[in-house]
Amino acid sequence: MIRPIINEARPKQWAKNVLVFAAPGAAGVLTHWTSLWRTLVVFVAFCLAASGTYFWNDVVDVEADRRHPKKCRRPIASGAIPLFAAKVIGSSLLLAGVAVSAATLRWRAPMIVAIYVLLTLSYSFVFRHLAVFDLVAVAGGFVLRAIGGAFACGVFMSKWFLLCTMFGSLFVVAGKRYAELRELGSDAEATRQTMETYTLPFLRLVVTLACAATVVTYCVWAFDTGQVDPGPFPFYELSVVPMLLALLRYALVLETGRGGAPEDVFLQDRALQLVGLAWVVIFALGVYLGRGVRV
């Protein structure tokens, strides 16, 4: 039963939790051991909490998943993990996530992880049935990851950093729904209740608005940071180029019929990986050649 439990925990999805490194990395504090280990602890905490969420979400969605062409093979939907055992394991992982985050010795870290747990459970039981609210709830989980990393290290977050994270998350989440609706068509309604309400033009509108807002807020944040934290070269401002390329590349992926599993896109699309690496290098040069004191 160990393998089904590991599969249900979805370790591949833990890549989403690298967002906890965003604020500390942009602030240039990850070279300090204290900040690094606290960020790693929060990363583990979110991995545990997220896995607990997957258990509970699949418990709630078990009947719908059994009608899905791919999700029917998940351990809970297939019966490899009994429902009672899934509830116990899921609850234990959620509690473990909050408990582990307390090891940062910063009370705001477990508070954020606890809010994340409440939000994800609310999504599983309530928001997943409400169109638009489901998009915001899932995107909110990404934002909380970024906030958790900042709180663990005690770094400042500007409003533009938060807005960029929020709109970027909404872009990915809305894109996932858009890809699902394109792939499954009318059958999508049987696997996700809100799909009965959504239309391709509406989701395309949300994707477009979120993408545009992400570009604007990132540009403001990058140029603002470049003025506050100047270096020998305008690396922050230059980082706008790979960011824009990454957003446009992912938008193209959505239009070609992929994107239902964002983690697979990021792990398989070489062009997107190269652009992402370019962004990391350029932004890191801005942080570590400048003062790296503001997010």
C-alpha atoms as a PDB file:
ATOM      1  CA  MET A   1       0.000   0.000   0.000  1.00  0.00           C
ATOM      2  CA  ILE A   2       3.079   2.214   0.247  1.00  0.00           C
ATOM      3  CA  ARG A   3       3.286   2.869  -3.491  1.00  0.00           C
ATOM      4  CA  PRO A   4      -0.383   3.991  -3.796  1.00  0.00           C
ATOM      5  CA  ILE A   5       0.126   6.348  -0.826  1.00  0.00           C
ATOM      6  CA  ILE A   6       3.213   7.878  -2.448  1.00  0.00           C
ATOM      7  CA  ASN A   7       1.387   8.212  -5.749  1.00  0.00           C
ATOM      8  CA  GLU A   8      -1.579   9.881  -4.044  1.00  0.00           C
ATOM      9  CA  ALA A   9       0.765  12.325  -2.278  1.00  0.00           C
ATOM     10  CA  ARG A  10       1.820  13.430  -5.795  1.00  0.00           C
ATOM     11  CA  PRO A  11       5.478  14.331  -5.189  1.00  0.00           C
ATOM     12  CA  LYS A  12       5.646  15.708  -8.747  1.00  0.00           C
ATOM     13  CA  GLN A  13       3.264  18.459  -7.613  1.00  0.00           C
ATOM     14  CA  TRP A  14       5.705  19.556  -4.904  1.00  0.00           C
ATOM     15  CA  ALA A  15       7.450  21.613  -7.585  1.00  0.00           C
ATOM     16  CA  LYS A  16       4.711  24.210  -7.033  1.00  0.00           C
ATOM     17  CA  ASN A  17       6.079  24.790  -3.543  1.00  0.00           C
ATOM     18  CA  VAL A  18       9.322  26.296  -4.856  1.00  0.00           C
ATOM     19  CA  LEU A  19       7.350  29.551  -4.659  1.00  0.00           C
ATOM     20  CA  VAL A  20       8.396  29.710  -1.005  1.00  0.00           C
ATOM     21  CA  PHE A  21      11.898  30.544  -2.262  1.00  0.00           C
ATOM     22  CA  ALA A  22      10.675  33.507  -4.325  1.00  0.00           C
ATOM     23  CA  ALA A  23      10.670  36.227  -1.674  1.00  0.00           C
ATOM     24  CA  PRO A  24      13.837  35.113   0.175  1.00  0.00           C
ATOM     25  CA  GLY A  25      15.621  34.638  -3.166  1.00  0.00           C
ATOM     26  CA  ALA A  26      14.609  38.072  -4.439  1.00  0.00           C
ATOM     27  CA  ALA A  27      15.717  39.585  -1.142  1.00  0.00           C
ATOM     28  CA  GLY A  28      19.122  37.943  -1.473  1.00  0.00           C
ATOM     29  CA  VAL A  29      19.025  36.188   1.905  1.00  0.00           C
ATOM     30  CA  LEU A  30      19.247  32.557   0.768  1.00  0.00           C
ATOM     31  CA  THR A  31      23.034  32.726   1.075  1.00  0.00           C
ATOM     32  CA  HIS A  32      22.521  33.047   4.834  1.00  0.00           C
ATOM     33  CA  TRP A  33      22.201  29.651   6.498  1.00  0.00           C
ATOM     34  CA  THR A  34      19.473  30.773   8.922  1.00  0.00           C
ATOM     35  CA  SER A  35      17.224  32.011   6.130  1.00  0.00           C
ATOM     36  CA  LEU A  36      17.988  28.992   3.943  1.00  0.00           C
ATOM     37  CA  TRP A  37      17.088  26.343   6.498  1.00  0.00           C
ATOM     38  CA  ARG A  38      13.926  28.192   7.506  1.00  0.00           C
ATOM     39  CA  THR A  39      12.862  28.370   3.864  1.00  0.00           C
ATOM     40  CA  LEU A  40      13.600  24.659   3.425  1.00  0.00           C
ATOM     41  CA  VAL A  41      11.489  23.876   6.500  1.00  0.00           C
ATOM     42  CA  VAL A  42       8.557  25.852   5.095  1.00  0.00           C
ATOM     43  CA  PHE A  43       9.027  24.095   1.754  1.00  0.00           C
ATOM     44  CA  VAL A  44       8.694  20.701   3.483  1.00  0.00           C
ATOM     45  CA  ALA A  45       5.703  21.985   5.466  1.00  0.00           C
ATOM     46  CA  PHE A  46       3.865  23.040   2.307  1.00  0.00           C
ATOM     47  CA  CYS A  47       4.724  19.724   0.645  1.00  0.00           C
ATOM     48  CA  LEU A  48       3.117  17.848   3.533  1.00  0.00           C
ATOM     49  CA  ALA A  49       0.095  20.148   3.639  1.00  0.00           C
ATOM     50  CA  ALA A  50      -0.362  20.014  -0.131  1.00  0.00           C
ATOM     51  CA  SER A  51      -0.222  16.219  -0.125  1.00  0.00           C
ATOM     52  CA  GLY A  52      -2.825  16.146   2.631  1.00  0.00           C
ATOM     53  CA  THR A  53      -4.974  18.381   0.474  1.00  0.00           C
ATOM     54  CA  TYR A  54      -4.657  15.997  -2.485  1.00  0.00           C
ATOM     55  CA  PHE A  55      -5.897  13.130  -0.304  1.00  0.00           C
ATOM     56  CA  TRP A  56      -8.947  15.058   0.872  1.00  0.00           C
ATOM     57  CA  ASN A  57      -9.680  16.557  -2.527  1.00  0.00           C
ATOM     58  CA  ASP A  58      -9.689  13.089  -4.085  1.00  0.00           C
ATOM     59  CA  VAL A  59     -11.881  11.764  -1.279  1.00  0.00           C
ATOM     60  CA  VAL A  60     -14.446  14.448  -2.043  1.00  0.00           C
ATOM     61  CA  ASP A  61     -14.046  14.024  -5.814  1.00  0.00           C
ATOM     62  CA  VAL A  62     -13.939  10.217  -5.805  1.00  0.00           C
ATOM     63  CA  GLU A  63     -17.133   9.707  -7.828  1.00  0.00           C
ATOM     64  CA  ALA A  64     -16.260  12.396 -10.387  1.00  0.00           C
ATOM     65  CA  ASP A  65     -12.704  11.061 -10.708  1.00  0.00           C
ATOM     66  CA  ARG A  66     -14.034   7.598 -11.495  1.00  0.00           C
ATOM     67  CA  ARG A  67     -15.758   9.084 -14.548  1.00  0.00           C
ATOM     68  CA  HIS A  68     -12.602  10.904 -15.708  1.00  0.00           C
ATOM     69  CA  PRO A  69     -10.537   9.156 -18.429  1.00  0.00           C
ATOM     70  CA  LYS A  70      -7.255   9.764 -16.560  1.00  0.00           C
ATOM     71  CA  LYS A  71      -8.167  10.526 -12.938  1.00  0.00           C
ATOM     72  CA  CYS A  72      -9.964   7.184 -12.631  1.00  0.00           C
ATOM     73  CA  ARG A  73      -6.516   5.612 -12.214  1.00  0.00           C
ATOM     74  CA  ARG A  74      -5.733   7.616  -9.088  1.00  0.00           C
ATOM     75  CA  PRO A  75      -5.253   5.424  -5.961  1.00  0.00           C
ATOM     76  CA  ILE A  76      -8.413   6.586  -4.180  1.00  0.00           C
ATOM     77  CA  ALA A  77     -10.648   6.531  -7.250  1.00  0.00           C
ATOM     78  CA  SER A  78      -9.358   3.107  -8.253  1.00  0.00           C
ATOM     79  CA  GLY A  79      -9.839   1.709  -4.746  1.00  0.00           C
ATOM     80  CA  ALA A  80      -6.142   1.098  -4.071  1.00  0.00           C
ATOM     81  CA  ILE A  81      -6.512   3.280  -0.954  1.00  0.00           C
ATOM     82  CA  PRO A  82      -9.736   2.817   1.076  1.00  0.00           C
ATOM     83  CA  LEU A  83     -11.679   6.003   1.786  1.00  0.00           C
ATOM     84  CA  PHE A  84     -11.260   5.755   5.569  1.00  0.00           C
ATOM     85  CA  ALA A  85      -7.505   5.285   5.278  1.00  0.00           C
ATOM     86  CA  ALA A  86      -7.322   8.209   2.842  1.00  0.00           C
ATOM     87  CA  LYS A  87      -9.102  10.478   5.324  1.00  0.00           C
ATOM     88  CA  VAL A  88      -6.764   9.483   8.164  1.00  0.00           C
ATOM     89  CA  ILE A  89      -3.608   9.906   6.073  1.00  0.00           C
ATOM     90  CA  GLY A  90      -4.815  13.186   4.586  1.00  0.00           C
ATOM     91  CA  SER A  91      -5.656  14.667   7.992  1.00  0.00           C
ATOM     92  CA  SER A  92      -2.297  13.530   9.414  1.00  0.00           C
ATOM     93  CA  LEU A  93      -0.400  15.200   6.580  1.00  0.00           C
ATOM     94  CA  LEU A  94      -2.302  18.465   7.020  1.00  0.00           C
ATOM     95  CA  LEU A  95      -1.515  18.552  10.743  1.00  0.00           C
ATOM     96  CA  ALA A  96       2.099  17.574  10.086  1.00  0.00           C
ATOM     97  CA  GLY A  97       2.480  20.477   7.671  1.00  0.00           C
ATOM     98  CA  VAL A  98       1.410  23.011  10.282  1.00  0.00           C
ATOM     99  CA  ALA A  99       3.551  21.356  12.968  1.00  0.00           C
ATOM    100  CA  VAL A 100       6.697  21.261  10.820  1.00  0.00           C
ATOM    101  CA  SER A 101       6.358  24.945   9.888  1.00  0.00           C
ATOM    102  CA  ALA A 102       6.533  25.820  13.593  1.00  0.00           C
ATOM    103  CA  ALA A 103      10.181  24.689  13.515  1.00  0.00           C
ATOM    104  CA  THR A 104      11.034  28.001  11.817  1.00  0.00           C
ATOM    105  CA  LEU A 105      10.533  29.629  15.237  1.00  0.00           C
ATOM    106  CA  ARG A 106       8.505  32.362  13.547  1.00  0.00           C
ATOM    107  CA  TRP A 107       4.823  32.279  14.501  1.00  0.00           C
ATOM    108  CA  ARG A 108       3.675  33.729  11.176  1.00  0.00           C
ATOM    109  CA  ALA A 109       4.947  30.689   9.247  1.00  0.00           C
ATOM    110  CA  PRO A 110       2.601  28.118  10.866  1.00  0.00           C
ATOM    111  CA  MET A 111      -0.174  30.718  10.707  1.00  0.00           C
ATOM    112  CA  ILE A 112       0.199  30.953   6.915  1.00  0.00           C
ATOM    113  CA  VAL A 113       0.391  27.166   6.520  1.00  0.00           C
ATOM    114  CA  ALA A 114      -2.748  26.840   8.665  1.00  0.00           C
ATOM    115  CA  ILE A 115      -4.536  29.420   6.487  1.00  0.00           C
ATOM    116  CA  TYR A 116      -3.401  27.458   3.429  1.00  0.00           C
ATOM    117  CA  VAL A 117      -4.889  24.283   4.910  1.00  0.00           C
ATOM    118  CA  LEU A 118      -8.183  26.041   5.664  1.00  0.00           C
ATOM    119  CA  LEU A 119      -8.301  27.548   2.179  1.00  0.00           C
ATOM    120  CA  THR A 120      -7.619  24.249   0.426  1.00  0.00           C
ATOM    121  CA  LEU A 121     -10.176  22.395   2.537  1.00  0.00           C
ATOM    122  CA  SER A 122     -12.685  25.159   1.834  1.00  0.00           C
ATOM    123  CA  TYR A 123     -11.965  24.682  -1.835  1.00  0.00           C
ATOM    124  CA  SER A 124     -12.541  20.932  -1.627  1.00  0.00           C
ATOM    125  CA  PHE A 125     -15.873  21.285   0.152  1.00  0.00           C
ATOM    126  CA  VAL A 126     -17.244  24.679  -1.003  1.00  0.00           C
ATOM    127  CA  PHE A 127     -15.377  26.796  -3.545  1.00  0.00           C
ATOM    128  CA  ARG A 128     -14.912  24.014  -6.085  1.00  0.00           C
ATOM    129  CA  HIS A 129     -18.654  24.249  -6.716  1.00  0.00           C
ATOM    130  CA  LEU A 130     -18.603  28.019  -7.338  1.00  0.00           C
ATOM    131  CA  ALA A 131     -17.414  29.302 -10.697  1.00  0.00           C
ATOM    132  CA  VAL A 132     -14.765  32.054 -10.518  1.00  0.00           C
ATOM    133  CA  PHE A 133     -14.390  31.529  -6.761  1.00  0.00           C
ATOM    134  CA  ASP A 134     -12.686  28.215  -7.506  1.00  0.00           C
ATOM    135  CA  LEU A 135     -10.116  29.987  -9.684  1.00  0.00           C
ATOM    136  CA  VAL A 136      -9.370  32.581  -7.011  1.00  0.00           C
ATOM    137  CA  ALA A 137      -9.145  29.949  -4.268  1.00  0.00           C
ATOM    138  CA  VAL A 138      -6.591  27.856  -6.138  1.00  0.00           C
ATOM    139  CA  ALA A 139      -4.595  30.946  -7.115  1.00  0.00           C
ATOM    140  CA  GLY A 140      -4.713  32.049  -3.474  1.00  0.00           C
ATOM    141  CA  GLY A 141      -2.905  28.849  -2.517  1.00  0.00           C
ATOM    142  CA  PHE A 142       0.040  29.871  -4.686  1.00  0.00           C
ATOM    143  CA  VAL A 143       0.112  33.350  -3.161  1.00  0.00           C
ATOM    144  CA  LEU A 144       0.140  31.870   0.353  1.00  0.00           C
ATOM    145  CA  ARG A 145       3.180  29.787  -0.578  1.00  0.00           C
ATOM    146  CA  ALA A 146       5.064  32.939  -1.548  1.00  0.00           C
ATOM    147  CA  ILE A 147       3.954  34.717   1.624  1.00  0.00           C
ATOM    148  CA  GLY A 148       4.987  31.707   3.704  1.00  0.00           C
ATOM    149  CA  GLY A 149       8.547  31.895   2.412  1.00  0.00           C
ATOM    150  CA  ALA A 150       8.711  35.614   3.171  1.00  0.00           C
ATOM    151  CA  PHE A 151       7.345  35.173   6.699  1.00  0.00           C
ATOM    152  CA  ALA A 152       9.741  32.307   7.430  1.00  0.00           C
ATOM    153  CA  CYS A 153      12.726  34.579   6.733  1.00  0.00           C
ATOM    154  CA  GLY A 154      11.200  37.862   7.875  1.00  0.00           C
ATOM    155  CA  VAL A 155      11.706  39.641   4.540  1.00  0.00           C
ATOM    156  CA  PHE A 156       9.572  42.525   3.311  1.00  0.00           C
ATOM    157  CA  MET A 157       7.095  42.021   0.449  1.00  0.00           C
ATOM    158  CA  SER A 158       6.007  44.952  -1.661  1.00  0.00           C
ATOM    159  CA  LYS A 159       2.455  45.243  -2.940  1.00  0.00           C
ATOM    160  CA  TRP A 160       3.737  44.793  -6.491  1.00  0.00           C
ATOM    161  CA  PHE A 161       5.377  41.497  -5.588  1.00  0.00           C
ATOM    162  CA  LEU A 162       2.100  40.237  -4.151  1.00  0.00           C
ATOM    163  CA  LEU A 163       0.055  41.486  -7.099  1.00  0.00           C
ATOM    164  CA  CYS A 164       2.427  39.907  -9.604  1.00  0.00           C
ATOM    165  CA  THR A 165       2.278  36.589  -7.741  1.00  0.00           C
ATOM    166  CA  MET A 166      -1.510  36.754  -7.548  1.00  0.00           C
ATOM    167  CA  PHE A 167      -2.085  37.511 -11.239  1.00  0.00           C
ATOM    168  CA  GLY A 168       0.592  35.055 -12.346  1.00  0.00           C
ATOM    169  CA  SER A 169      -1.087  32.330 -10.302  1.00  0.00           C
ATOM    170  CA  LEU A 170      -4.482  33.206 -11.753  1.00  0.00           C
ATOM    171  CA  PHE A 171      -2.970  33.005 -15.240  1.00  0.00           C
ATOM    172  CA  VAL A 172      -1.780  29.429 -14.635  1.00  0.00           C
ATOM    173  CA  VAL A 173      -4.989  28.303 -12.892  1.00  0.00           C
ATOM    174  CA  ALA A 174      -7.315  29.783 -15.528  1.00  0.00           C
ATOM    175  CA  GLY A 175      -5.075  28.313 -18.215  1.00  0.00           C
ATOM    176  CA  LYS A 176      -5.427  24.870 -16.641  1.00  0.00           C
ATOM    177  CA  ARG A 177      -9.241  25.134 -16.720  1.00  0.00           C
ATOM    178  CA  TYR A 178      -9.096  26.416 -20.295  1.00  0.00           C
ATOM    179  CA  ALA A 179      -6.971  23.459 -21.372  1.00  0.00           C
ATOM    180  CA  GLU A 180      -9.246  20.994 -19.565  1.00  0.00           C
ATOM    181  CA  LEU A 181     -12.347  22.392 -21.244  1.00  0.00           C
ATOM    182  CA  ARG A 182     -10.671  22.271 -24.652  1.00  0.00           C
ATOM    183  CA  GLU A 183      -9.487  18.702 -24.118  1.00  0.00           C
ATOM    184  CA  LEU A 184     -12.674  17.183 -22.662  1.00  0.00           C
ATOM    185  CA  GLY A 185     -15.364  19.398 -24.183  1.00  0.00           C
ATOM    186  CA  SER A 186     -18.828  18.605 -22.829  1.00  0.00           C
ATOM    187  CA  ASP A 187     -17.388  15.678 -20.843  1.00  0.00           C
ATOM    188  CA  ALA A 188     -15.576  18.181 -18.597  1.00  0.00           C
ATOM    189  CA  GLU A 189     -18.853  18.866 -16.790  1.00  0.00           C
ATOM    190  CA  ALA A 190     -18.849  15.332 -15.409  1.00  0.00           C
ATOM    191  CA  THR A 191     -15.405  15.742 -13.862  1.00  0.00           C
ATOM    192  CA  ARG A 192     -15.614  19.290 -12.492  1.00  0.00           C
ATOM    193  CA  GLN A 193     -18.943  20.925 -11.628  1.00  0.00           C
ATOM    194  CA  THR A 194     -17.907  24.488 -12.489  1.00  0.00           C
ATOM    195  CA  MET A 195     -17.072  23.397 -16.045  1.00  0.00           C
ATOM    196  CA  GLU A 196     -20.802  23.448 -16.706  1.00  0.00           C
ATOM    197  CA  THR A 197     -20.674  27.221 -16.201  1.00  0.00           C
ATOM    198  CA  TYR A 198     -17.393  28.061 -17.884  1.00  0.00           C
ATOM    199  CA  THR A 199     -17.033  28.686 -21.599  1.00  0.00           C
ATOM    200  CA  LEU A 200     -13.890  28.805 -23.695  1.00  0.00           C
ATOM    201  CA  PRO A 201     -14.315  32.538 -24.535  1.00  0.00           C
ATOM    202  CA  PHE A 202     -14.720  33.406 -20.832  1.00  0.00           C
ATOM    203  CA  LEU A 203     -11.670  31.408 -19.735  1.00  0.00           C
ATOM    204  CA  ARG A 204      -9.664  32.865 -22.612  1.00  0.00           C
ATOM    205  CA  LEU A 205     -10.666  36.324 -21.359  1.00  0.00           C
ATOM    206  CA  VAL A 206      -9.513  35.491 -17.823  1.00  0.00           C
ATOM    207  CA  VAL A 207      -6.223  34.106 -19.151  1.00  0.00           C
ATOM    208  CA  THR A 208      -5.669  37.234 -21.239  1.00  0.00           C
ATOM    209  CA  LEU A 209      -6.472  39.639 -18.394  1.00  0.00           C
ATOM    210  CA  ALA A 210      -4.333  37.708 -15.907  1.00  0.00           C
ATOM    211  CA  CYS A 211      -1.409  37.580 -18.347  1.00  0.00           C
ATOM    212  CA  ALA A 212      -1.603  41.310 -19.041  1.00  0.00           C
ATOM    213  CA  ALA A 213      -1.866  42.132 -15.329  1.00  0.00           C
ATOM    214  CA  THR A 214       1.118  39.886 -14.586  1.00  0.00           C
ATOM    215  CA  VAL A 215       3.234  41.694 -17.167  1.00  0.00           C
ATOM    216  CA  VAL A 216       2.256  45.148 -15.861  1.00  0.00           C
ATOM    217  CA  THR A 217       2.769  44.361 -12.176  1.00  0.00           C
ATOM    218  CA  TYR A 218       6.054  42.580 -12.849  1.00  0.00           C
ATOM    219  CA  CYS A 219       7.352  45.518 -14.872  1.00  0.00           C
ATOM    220  CA  VAL A 220       6.442  47.969 -12.099  1.00  0.00           C
ATOM    221  CA  TRP A 221       8.042  45.703  -9.481  1.00  0.00           C
ATOM    222  CA  ALA A 222      11.206  45.159 -11.540  1.00  0.00           C
ATOM    223  CA  PHE A 223      11.732  48.845 -12.364  1.00  0.00           C
ATOM    224  CA  ASP A 224      10.858  49.908  -8.830  1.00  0.00           C
ATOM    225  CA  THR A 225      13.321  47.379  -7.403  1.00  0.00           C
ATOM    226  CA  GLY A 226      15.948  48.523  -9.888  1.00  0.00           C
ATOM    227  CA  GLN A 227      15.682  52.058  -8.522  1.00  0.00           C
ATOM    228  CA  VAL A 228      15.718  51.029  -4.851  1.00  0.00           C
ATOM    229  CA  ASP A 229      18.418  48.377  -5.283  1.00  0.00           C
ATOM    230  CA  PRO A 230      20.649  49.645  -8.135  1.00  0.00           C
ATOM    231  CA  GLY A 231      23.561  47.595  -9.361  1.00  0.00           C
ATOM    232  CA  PRO A 232      26.278  47.945 -11.994  1.00  0.00           C
ATOM    233  CA  PHE A 233      23.815  46.935 -14.738  1.00  0.00           C
ATOM    234  CA  PRO A 234      19.977  47.116 -15.031  1.00  0.00           C
ATOM    235  CA  PHE A 235      19.482  43.371 -14.481  1.00  0.00           C
ATOM    236  CA  TYR A 236      16.084  43.785 -12.812  1.00  0.00           C
ATOM    237  CA  GLU A 237      14.744  45.738 -15.766  1.00  0.00           C
ATOM    238  CA  LEU A 238      16.307  43.271 -18.224  1.00  0.00           C
ATOM    239  CA  SER A 239      14.562  40.359 -16.460  1.00  0.00           C
ATOM    240  CA  VAL A 240      11.287  41.628 -17.961  1.00  0.00           C
ATOM    241  CA  VAL A 241      12.308  40.084 -21.305  1.00  0.00           C
ATOM    242  CA  PRO A 242      12.509  36.400 -20.221  1.00  0.00           C
ATOM    243  CA  MET A 243       9.427  36.879 -18.018  1.00  0.00           C
ATOM    244  CA  LEU A 244       7.418  38.118 -20.994  1.00  0.00           C
ATOM    245  CA  LEU A 245       8.757  35.300 -23.181  1.00  0.00           C
ATOM    246  CA  ALA A 246       7.774  32.719 -20.555  1.00  0.00           C
ATOM    247  CA  LEU A 247       4.216  34.051 -20.318  1.00  0.00           C
ATOM    248  CA  LEU A 248       3.812  34.161 -24.092  1.00  0.00           C
ATOM    249  CA  ARG A 249       5.289  30.681 -24.472  1.00  0.00           C
ATOM    250  CA  TYR A 250       2.869  29.253 -21.916  1.00  0.00           C
ATOM    251  CA  ALA A 251      -0.042  31.071 -23.597  1.00  0.00           C
ATOM    252  CA  LEU A 252       0.984  29.395 -26.865  1.00  0.00           C
ATOM    253  CA  VAL A 253       1.056  26.022 -25.131  1.00  0.00           C
ATOM    254  CA  LEU A 254      -2.529  26.606 -23.983  1.00  0.00           C
ATOM    255  CA  GLU A 255      -3.653  27.490 -27.495  1.00  0.00           C
ATOM    256  CA  THR A 256      -2.097  24.318 -28.896  1.00  0.00           C
ATOM    257  CA  GLY A 257      -4.294  22.187 -26.654  1.00  0.00           C
ATOM    258  CA  ARG A 258      -1.914  21.496 -23.761  1.00  0.00           C
ATOM    259  CA  GLY A 259      -1.752  22.947 -20.260  1.00  0.00           C
ATOM    260  CA  GLY A 260      -4.221  20.693 -18.419  1.00  0.00           C
ATOM    261  CA  ALA A 261      -1.278  19.641 -16.239  1.00  0.00           C
ATOM    262  CA  PRO A 262       0.955  22.736 -15.781  1.00  0.00           C
ATOM    263  CA  GLU A 263       3.623  20.773 -13.919  1.00  0.00           C
ATOM    264  CA  ASP A 264       4.070  18.497 -16.955  1.00  0.00           C
ATOM    265  CA  VAL A 265       4.373  21.500 -19.258  1.00  0.00           C
ATOM    266  CA  PHE A 266       7.130  23.030 -17.140  1.00  0.00           C
ATOM    267  CA  LEU A 267       8.959  19.702 -16.875  1.00  0.00           C
ATOM    268  CA  GLN A 268       8.747  18.845 -20.573  1.00  0.00           C
ATOM    269  CA  ASP A 269       8.827  22.106 -22.532  1.00  0.00           C
ATOM    270  CA  ARG A 270      12.527  22.775 -23.202  1.00  0.00           C
ATOM    271  CA  ALA A 271      11.965  26.295 -24.532  1.00  0.00           C
ATOM    272  CA  LEU A 272      10.059  27.246 -21.391  1.00  0.00           C
ATOM    273  CA  GLN A 273      12.809  25.751 -19.240  1.00  0.00           C
ATOM    274  CA  LEU A 274      15.518  27.722 -21.055  1.00  0.00           C
ATOM    275  CA  VAL A 275      13.576  30.971 -20.714  1.00  0.00           C
ATOM    276  CA  GLY A 276      12.977  30.237 -17.030  1.00  0.00           C
ATOM    277  CA  LEU A 277      16.688  29.566 -16.512  1.00  0.00           C
ATOM    278  CA  ALA A 278      17.549  32.824 -18.254  1.00  0.00           C
ATOM    279  CA  TRP A 279      15.199  34.688 -15.926  1.00  0.00           C
ATOM    280  CA  VAL A 280      16.747  33.064 -12.845  1.00  0.00           C
ATOM    281  CA  VAL A 281      20.282  33.963 -13.952  1.00  0.00           C
ATOM    282  CA  ILE A 282      19.441  37.556 -14.876  1.00  0.00           C
ATOM    283  CA  PHE A 283      17.440  38.224 -11.732  1.00  0.00           C
ATOM    284  CA  ALA A 284      20.049  36.541  -9.527  1.00  0.00           C
ATOM    285  CA  LEU A 285      22.727  38.812 -10.995  1.00  0.00           C
ATOM    286  CA  GLY A 286      20.546  41.796 -10.106  1.00  0.00           C
ATOM    287  CA  VAL A 287      20.060  40.561  -6.548  1.00  0.00           C
ATOM    288  CA  TYR A 288      23.612  39.528  -5.734  1.00  0.00           C
ATOM    289  CA  LEU A 289      25.439  42.291  -7.578  1.00  0.00           C
ATOM    290  CA  GLY A 290      23.132  44.853  -5.980  1.00  0.00           C
ATOM    291  CA  ARG A 291      22.184  45.035  -2.341  1.00  0.00           C
ATOM    292  CA  GLY A 292      19.290  42.541  -2.585  1.00  0.00           C
ATOM    293  CA  VAL A 293      17.343  44.094   0.284  1.00  0.00           C
ATOM    294  CA  ARG A 294      13.843  44.481  -1.046  1.00  0.00           C
ATOM    295  CA  VAL A 295      11.165  42.215  -2.498  1.00  0.00           C
END
